[in-house]
Amino acid sequence: MNQKPRLGIDIDGTVTCPKTFVPYLQRDFNEQLKYEDITEYNLANVLNCEEEEMLNWFKNNESYIYQNSPVSEGAKDILNQLQYQYELYYISARHNYLEDITKEWFNLHNIPFDQITLTGSHNKLEVTKNQNIDVFFEDKLDNAEDINHQLNIPVFLFDTPYNQKELQSGIYRINSWHEVSPLLNKL
């Protein structure tokens, strides 16, 4: 029996809508903030606040936000199609104490998964290697670059205002989940 290829998939900003945090950031930091204003991954820099303030805010709000995150447009339908051809391994920087919330969210939204690994850090390289991932989906540019460069696997980078930079060979910028199947078929 042939093993299905494994897709490594980040959760936040890929399966969840990349605009998820905007209303919460508007409420607590800057009501004028727009998604397009988030031009770097470090929100403390974007919001002109101290790192510690941002970390405390995040820790106080992450469970609620993750429970209520909207699904990225097209993700549910496409992932439900892909589950028959691929193993779906989600690899997220979320912390382990969020495992129940994360799995409940996947089940609530009927999004298939073979495995969910919460690394507790943005370094997903070792987990991706150990899980024999064939293709990775990410929104954080430096993660995409590390995974592509170190493991020599293709990475699909979901286009966001915070990951704008010329891409190295082997990283493919995509705008939505609807672009995934045709691109996977070309690999």
Foldseek 3Di string as FASTA:
>chain_A
DDAFAAEEEEPAVAFFPVCLCVVVCLVPQNVPDDQLLCQAPQVCVSRVHDSVVVVVSCVVCVLVSLLPTHTFPPQQVLQVVCVVRYAYEYEYLDDPVCVVSNVVSCVVSVRDHPYYHHDVHLACQVVCVVVNHQEYEEAHQVNQVCNCVVVVHAYEHADGSRNDDDDDPRYHYDPHSVPPPVVVVVD
